[in-house]
Amino acid sequence: MGKGKIAAQVGHASVNASENVRKKYRSWWRGWIAEGQCKVILKVKSEAELLRLKDEAEKNNLPTVLVHDKGLTQVEPGTLTCLGIGPGPSELIDKVTGSLRLL
């Protein structure tokens, strides 16, 4: 994916994750809003790793969202492009994502 496409997919993950947390973990969402809505964009080596991280996040009671592209531009319809984790307490998220590298 090109840089713009990656940015759009991250945007989808961020908006969807925020809405999920706003509905289910209101205090986490309020704290995230008050602190400036931090977002950290990391990379994985494979879809399998992305799905493993989703499972690990959920085992740690963190909200997750998967983004599947509609396939209108650069990738095939239904392609898994992004995982959103949180917003939530950074110490919990770091347990899951702390070993990943920045994009």
C-alpha atoms as a PDB file:
ATOM      1  CA  MET A   1       0.000   0.000   0.000  1.00  0.00           C
ATOM      2  CA  GLY A   2       1.101   3.528  -0.659  1.00  0.00           C
ATOM      3  CA  LYS A   3       1.591   6.098   2.090  1.00  0.00           C
ATOM      4  CA  GLY A   4      -1.787   7.705   1.517  1.00  0.00           C
ATOM      5  CA  LYS A   5      -3.574   4.357   1.574  1.00  0.00           C
ATOM      6  CA  ILE A   6      -1.814   3.422   4.813  1.00  0.00           C
ATOM      7  CA  ALA A   7      -2.821   6.757   6.324  1.00  0.00           C
ATOM      8  CA  ALA A   8      -6.458   6.176   5.342  1.00  0.00           C
ATOM      9  CA  GLN A   9      -6.484   2.678   6.847  1.00  0.00           C
ATOM     10  CA  VAL A  10      -4.978   3.977  10.085  1.00  0.00           C
ATOM     11  CA  GLY A  11      -7.653   6.676  10.098  1.00  0.00           C
ATOM     12  CA  HIS A  12     -10.377   4.029   9.771  1.00  0.00           C
ATOM     13  CA  ALA A  13      -8.878   2.062  12.665  1.00  0.00           C
ATOM     14  CA  SER A  14      -8.560   5.156  14.848  1.00  0.00           C
ATOM     15  CA  VAL A  15     -12.116   6.374  14.305  1.00  0.00           C
ATOM     16  CA  ASN A  16     -13.659   2.918  14.756  1.00  0.00           C
ATOM     17  CA  ALA A  17     -11.568   2.152  17.844  1.00  0.00           C
ATOM     18  CA  SER A  18     -12.442   5.512  19.392  1.00  0.00           C
ATOM     19  CA  GLU A  19     -16.165   4.956  18.853  1.00  0.00           C
ATOM     20  CA  ASN A  20     -16.005   1.454  20.336  1.00  0.00           C
ATOM     21  CA  VAL A  21     -14.165   2.682  23.421  1.00  0.00           C
ATOM     22  CA  ARG A  22     -16.449   5.698  23.808  1.00  0.00           C
ATOM     23  CA  LYS A  23     -19.406   3.313  24.057  1.00  0.00           C
ATOM     24  CA  LYS A  24     -17.876   0.562  26.228  1.00  0.00           C
ATOM     25  CA  TYR A  25     -15.024   2.127  28.251  1.00  0.00           C
ATOM     26  CA  ARG A  26     -16.185   5.694  28.736  1.00  0.00           C
ATOM     27  CA  SER A  27     -13.528   6.634  31.329  1.00  0.00           C
ATOM     28  CA  TRP A  28     -10.704   5.355  29.078  1.00  0.00           C
ATOM     29  CA  TRP A  29     -12.129   7.361  26.189  1.00  0.00           C
ATOM     30  CA  ARG A  30     -12.439  10.547  28.269  1.00  0.00           C
ATOM     31  CA  GLY A  31      -8.850  10.198  29.462  1.00  0.00           C
ATOM     32  CA  TRP A  32      -7.635   9.647  25.903  1.00  0.00           C
ATOM     33  CA  ILE A  33      -9.506  12.749  24.694  1.00  0.00           C
ATOM     34  CA  ALA A  34      -8.213  14.865  27.598  1.00  0.00           C
ATOM     35  CA  GLU A  35      -4.604  13.759  27.021  1.00  0.00           C
ATOM     36  CA  GLY A  36      -4.549  14.704  23.328  1.00  0.00           C
ATOM     37  CA  GLN A  37      -5.683  11.469  21.603  1.00  0.00           C
ATOM     38  CA  CYS A  38      -2.276   9.823  21.297  1.00  0.00           C
ATOM     39  CA  LYS A  39      -1.866   7.423  18.384  1.00  0.00           C
ATOM     40  CA  VAL A  40       1.177   5.229  17.772  1.00  0.00           C
ATOM     41  CA  ILE A  41       1.525   3.564  14.374  1.00  0.00           C
ATOM     42  CA  LEU A  42       3.477   0.309  14.412  1.00  0.00           C
ATOM     43  CA  LYS A  43       4.267  -2.330  11.822  1.00  0.00           C
ATOM     44  CA  VAL A  44       4.020  -6.102  11.709  1.00  0.00           C
ATOM     45  CA  LYS A  45       5.558  -8.629   9.354  1.00  0.00           C
ATOM     46  CA  SER A  46       2.436 -10.615   8.489  1.00  0.00           C
ATOM     47  CA  GLU A  47      -1.310 -10.946   8.749  1.00  0.00           C
ATOM     48  CA  ALA A  48      -0.753 -13.850  11.142  1.00  0.00           C
ATOM     49  CA  GLU A  49       1.195 -11.561  13.484  1.00  0.00           C
ATOM     50  CA  LEU A  50      -1.563  -8.959  13.273  1.00  0.00           C
ATOM     51  CA  LEU A  51      -4.175 -11.537  14.259  1.00  0.00           C
ATOM     52  CA  ARG A  52      -1.979 -12.869  17.074  1.00  0.00           C
ATOM     53  CA  LEU A  53      -1.709  -9.316  18.458  1.00  0.00           C
ATOM     54  CA  LYS A  54      -5.483  -8.938  18.275  1.00  0.00           C
ATOM     55  CA  ASP A  55      -5.923 -12.119  20.317  1.00  0.00           C
ATOM     56  CA  GLU A  56      -3.287 -11.035  22.841  1.00  0.00           C
ATOM     57  CA  ALA A  57      -4.883  -7.602  23.225  1.00  0.00           C
ATOM     58  CA  GLU A  58      -8.287  -9.147  23.819  1.00  0.00           C
ATOM     59  CA  LYS A  59      -6.816 -11.551  26.412  1.00  0.00           C
ATOM     60  CA  ASN A  60      -5.625  -8.412  28.215  1.00  0.00           C
ATOM     61  CA  ASN A  61      -9.164  -6.951  28.067  1.00  0.00           C
ATOM     62  CA  LEU A  62      -8.227  -4.329  25.505  1.00  0.00           C
ATOM     63  CA  PRO A  63     -10.719  -3.323  22.828  1.00  0.00           C
ATOM     64  CA  THR A  64      -9.686  -4.063  19.249  1.00  0.00           C
ATOM     65  CA  VAL A  65     -10.924  -3.334  15.756  1.00  0.00           C
ATOM     66  CA  LEU A  66      -9.871  -4.911  12.467  1.00  0.00           C
ATOM     67  CA  VAL A  67     -10.004  -2.925   9.231  1.00  0.00           C
ATOM     68  CA  HIS A  68     -10.813  -4.742   5.998  1.00  0.00           C
ATOM     69  CA  ASP A  69     -10.523  -2.672   2.839  1.00  0.00           C
ATOM     70  CA  LYS A  70     -13.359  -2.343   0.337  1.00  0.00           C
ATOM     71  CA  GLY A  71     -10.888  -2.911  -2.486  1.00  0.00           C
ATOM     72  CA  LEU A  72     -11.682   0.176  -4.517  1.00  0.00           C
ATOM     73  CA  THR A  73      -8.087   1.240  -5.147  1.00  0.00           C
ATOM     74  CA  GLN A  74      -4.862  -0.589  -4.255  1.00  0.00           C
ATOM     75  CA  VAL A  75      -5.811  -3.905  -2.625  1.00  0.00           C
ATOM     76  CA  GLU A  76      -8.321  -6.686  -3.172  1.00  0.00           C
ATOM     77  CA  PRO A  77     -11.763  -6.411  -1.527  1.00  0.00           C
ATOM     78  CA  GLY A  78     -11.746  -7.718   2.029  1.00  0.00           C
ATOM     79  CA  THR A  79      -7.986  -7.367   2.513  1.00  0.00           C
ATOM     80  CA  LEU A  80      -7.079  -7.040   6.197  1.00  0.00           C
ATOM     81  CA  THR A  81      -5.087  -3.821   6.407  1.00  0.00           C
ATOM     82  CA  CYS A  82      -5.011  -2.613   9.989  1.00  0.00           C
ATOM     83  CA  LEU A  83      -5.617  -3.433  13.650  1.00  0.00           C
ATOM     84  CA  GLY A  84      -6.652  -0.784  16.135  1.00  0.00           C
ATOM     85  CA  ILE A  85      -5.968  -1.464  19.820  1.00  0.00           C
ATOM     86  CA  GLY A  86      -7.432   0.836  22.446  1.00  0.00           C
ATOM     87  CA  PRO A  87      -7.618   3.615  23.313  1.00  0.00           C
ATOM     88  CA  GLY A  88      -6.752   2.315  26.728  1.00  0.00           C
ATOM     89  CA  PRO A  89      -4.193   2.430  29.513  1.00  0.00           C
ATOM     90  CA  SER A  90      -0.730   2.653  27.950  1.00  0.00           C
ATOM     91  CA  GLU A  91       0.720   0.083  30.363  1.00  0.00           C
ATOM     92  CA  LEU A  92      -1.781  -2.500  29.075  1.00  0.00           C
ATOM     93  CA  ILE A  93      -1.257  -1.630  25.422  1.00  0.00           C
ATOM     94  CA  ASP A  94       2.529  -1.662  25.850  1.00  0.00           C
ATOM     95  CA  LYS A  95       2.328  -5.254  27.139  1.00  0.00           C
ATOM     96  CA  VAL A  96       0.932  -6.238  23.748  1.00  0.00           C
ATOM     97  CA  THR A  97       2.713  -3.877  21.368  1.00  0.00           C
ATOM     98  CA  GLY A  98       5.912  -2.919  23.202  1.00  0.00           C
ATOM     99  CA  SER A  99       8.167  -5.073  21.017  1.00  0.00           C
ATOM    100  CA  LEU A 100       6.891  -3.683  17.701  1.00  0.00           C
ATOM    101  CA  ARG A 101       8.743  -1.114  15.611  1.00  0.00           C
ATOM    102  CA  LEU A 102       7.376   2.252  14.542  1.00  0.00           C
ATOM    103  CA  LEU A 103       6.088   2.525  10.995  1.00  0.00           C
END
